[in-house]
């Protein structure tokens, strides 16, 4: 690996860390690409090559991950949507259903008692959203 490759990976990691920290802020690809000092198109290509998903998909997965925690705590779907930085309830619900395999309302209504006995760091890993093939569903 060349020094240039390492510098690029460092810049991509800095951008990814920014998305992890600022997921609830109004982020878009050009803004995140600026943190990596790359053009939006180049950043998107290199991010996908490094992490296996587009920057937008990564950001939405982080937002859904946080929304799941808020919904488990009893927050309303609308409030969870807004708290994680989404501005469209319909788009949020569609993406949540795509990633989690059930609607936000169904997830909120589910039994989450098993999370209460887990440390928060373990619950975060166990409940991390996973991209699912089209048509796949889950019960948790």
Protein backbone atom coordinates (compact mmCIF):
# COMPACT_ATOMS: atom_id res chain seq x y z
CA UNK A 1 0.00 0.00 0.00
CA UNK A 2 1.39 3.36 -1.04
CA UNK A 3 1.53 6.48 1.12
CA UNK A 4 -1.13 8.00 -1.16
CA UNK A 5 -3.44 5.01 -0.53
CA UNK A 6 -2.95 5.39 3.22
CA UNK A 7 -3.67 9.11 3.02
CA UNK A 8 -6.86 8.43 1.08
CA UNK A 9 -8.01 5.78 3.58
CA UNK A 10 -7.31 8.23 6.41
CA UNK A 11 -9.44 10.86 4.68
CA UNK A 12 -12.24 8.35 4.09
CA UNK A 13 -12.10 7.29 7.75
CA UNK A 14 -12.27 10.92 8.85
CA UNK A 15 -15.41 11.39 6.73
CA UNK A 16 -16.97 8.17 8.04
CA UNK A 17 -16.22 9.21 11.63
CA UNK A 18 -17.86 12.57 10.90
CA UNK A 19 -21.02 10.75 9.72
CA UNK A 20 -20.96 8.61 12.88
CA UNK A 21 -20.79 11.69 15.10
CA UNK A 22 -23.04 14.08 13.16
CA UNK A 23 -25.69 11.64 11.85
CA UNK A 24 -28.52 13.83 13.18
CA UNK A 25 -27.30 16.92 11.35
CA UNK A 26 -28.39 17.73 7.80
CA UNK A 27 -25.58 15.93 5.98
CA UNK A 28 -25.27 15.34 2.27
CA UNK A 29 -22.54 13.79 0.13
CA UNK A 30 -20.91 17.12 -0.87
CA UNK A 31 -20.65 18.18 2.79
CA UNK A 32 -19.16 14.87 3.88
CA UNK A 33 -16.85 14.76 0.84
CA UNK A 34 -15.49 18.14 1.91
CA UNK A 35 -14.32 16.61 5.20
CA UNK A 36 -12.28 14.15 3.14
CA UNK A 37 -11.03 16.92 0.82
CA UNK A 38 -12.46 15.13 -2.23
CA UNK A 39 -14.98 15.92 -4.91
CA UNK A 40 -18.40 14.35 -4.22
CA UNK A 41 -18.17 11.93 -7.16
CA UNK A 42 -14.64 10.76 -6.33
CA UNK A 43 -15.53 10.50 -2.64
CA UNK A 44 -18.60 8.37 -3.39
CA UNK A 45 -16.62 5.99 -5.60
CA UNK A 46 -13.74 5.63 -3.16
CA UNK A 47 -16.04 5.31 -0.11
CA UNK A 48 -17.98 2.50 -1.77
CA UNK A 49 -14.75 0.76 -2.77
CA UNK A 50 -13.41 1.00 0.80
CA UNK A 51 -16.57 0.24 2.80
CA UNK A 52 -18.83 -1.68 0.41
CA UNK A 53 -21.72 0.80 0.45
CA UNK A 54 -22.37 4.34 -0.66
CA UNK A 55 -21.93 7.22 1.77
CA UNK A 56 -25.70 7.81 1.77
CA UNK A 57 -26.42 4.16 2.58
CA UNK A 58 -23.86 4.23 5.39
CA UNK A 59 -25.37 7.41 6.85
CA UNK A 60 -28.91 6.03 6.67
CA UNK A 61 -27.81 2.80 8.34
CA UNK A 62 -26.32 4.83 11.22
CA UNK A 63 -29.54 6.84 11.47
CA UNK A 64 -31.67 3.69 11.52
CA UNK A 65 -29.38 2.16 14.14
CA UNK A 66 -29.97 5.14 16.43
CA UNK A 67 -33.69 5.22 15.63
CA UNK A 68 -34.00 1.58 16.72
CA UNK A 69 -32.57 2.49 20.13
CA UNK A 70 -34.95 5.44 20.47
CA UNK A 71 -37.95 3.32 19.45
CA UNK A 72 -36.98 0.65 22.00
CA UNK A 73 -37.07 3.39 24.64
CA UNK A 74 -40.65 4.21 23.62
CA UNK A 75 -40.12 7.35 21.54
CA UNK A 76 -42.76 7.95 18.88
CA UNK A 77 -41.89 7.12 15.28
CA UNK A 78 -42.21 10.77 14.22
CA UNK A 79 -39.98 12.00 17.05
CA UNK A 80 -37.38 9.28 16.36
CA UNK A 81 -37.42 10.22 12.68
CA UNK A 82 -36.69 13.86 13.43
CA UNK A 83 -34.19 13.07 16.21
CA UNK A 84 -31.94 11.12 13.85
CA UNK A 85 -31.88 13.82 11.20
CA UNK A 86 -34.50 12.58 8.75
CA UNK A 87 -36.96 15.18 7.49
CA UNK A 88 -39.44 12.94 5.67
CA UNK A 89 -41.41 10.47 7.75
CA UNK A 90 -42.36 8.50 4.63
CA UNK A 91 -38.77 8.15 3.43
CA UNK A 92 -37.62 7.27 6.94
CA UNK A 93 -40.29 4.58 7.30
CA UNK A 94 -39.50 3.13 3.88
CA UNK A 95 -35.78 2.98 4.58
CA UNK A 96 -36.32 1.62 8.10
CA UNK A 97 -38.53 -1.16 6.72
CA UNK A 98 -35.99 -1.90 3.99
CA UNK A 99 -33.10 -2.19 6.43
CA UNK A 100 -34.79 -3.70 9.50
CA UNK A 101 -37.43 -5.82 7.80
CA UNK A 102 -40.41 -4.34 9.63
CA UNK A 103 -42.03 -0.95 9.97
CA UNK A 104 -40.86 1.44 12.68
CA UNK A 105 -44.26 1.10 14.41
CA UNK A 106 -44.02 -2.69 14.42
CA UNK A 107 -40.46 -2.51 15.74
CA UNK A 108 -41.49 -0.07 18.48
CA UNK A 109 -44.38 -2.35 19.51
CA UNK A 110 -42.12 -5.42 19.69
CA UNK A 111 -40.80 -7.03 22.85
CA UNK A 112 -37.39 -5.56 23.64
CA UNK A 113 -37.06 -6.84 27.20
CA UNK A 114 -33.93 -8.83 26.31
CA UNK A 115 -32.09 -5.54 25.67
CA UNK A 116 -32.72 -4.30 29.21
CA UNK A 117 -30.25 -6.75 30.72
CA UNK A 118 -27.50 -5.96 28.21
CA UNK A 119 -24.90 -3.24 28.52
CA UNK A 120 -25.60 -0.50 25.98
CA UNK A 121 -22.45 -1.33 23.99
CA UNK A 122 -23.57 -4.95 23.56
CA UNK A 123 -27.14 -3.95 22.67
CA UNK A 124 -25.75 -1.63 19.99
CA UNK A 125 -23.80 -4.46 18.36
CA UNK A 126 -26.63 -7.00 18.65
CA UNK A 127 -29.21 -4.61 17.20
CA UNK A 128 -27.01 -3.15 14.46
CA UNK A 129 -29.04 -2.94 11.25
CA UNK A 130 -27.97 -5.24 8.44
CA UNK A 131 -28.74 -4.62 4.80
CA UNK A 132 -31.14 -7.32 3.61
CA UNK A 133 -31.82 -8.63 0.13
CA UNK A 134 -35.04 -7.33 -1.42
CA UNK A 135 -38.06 -9.18 -0.04
CA UNK A 136 -36.28 -10.57 3.04
CA UNK A 137 -37.90 -9.98 6.42
CA UNK A 138 -37.01 -10.54 10.04
CA UNK A 139 -38.85 -10.90 13.30
CA UNK A 140 -36.51 -8.89 15.57
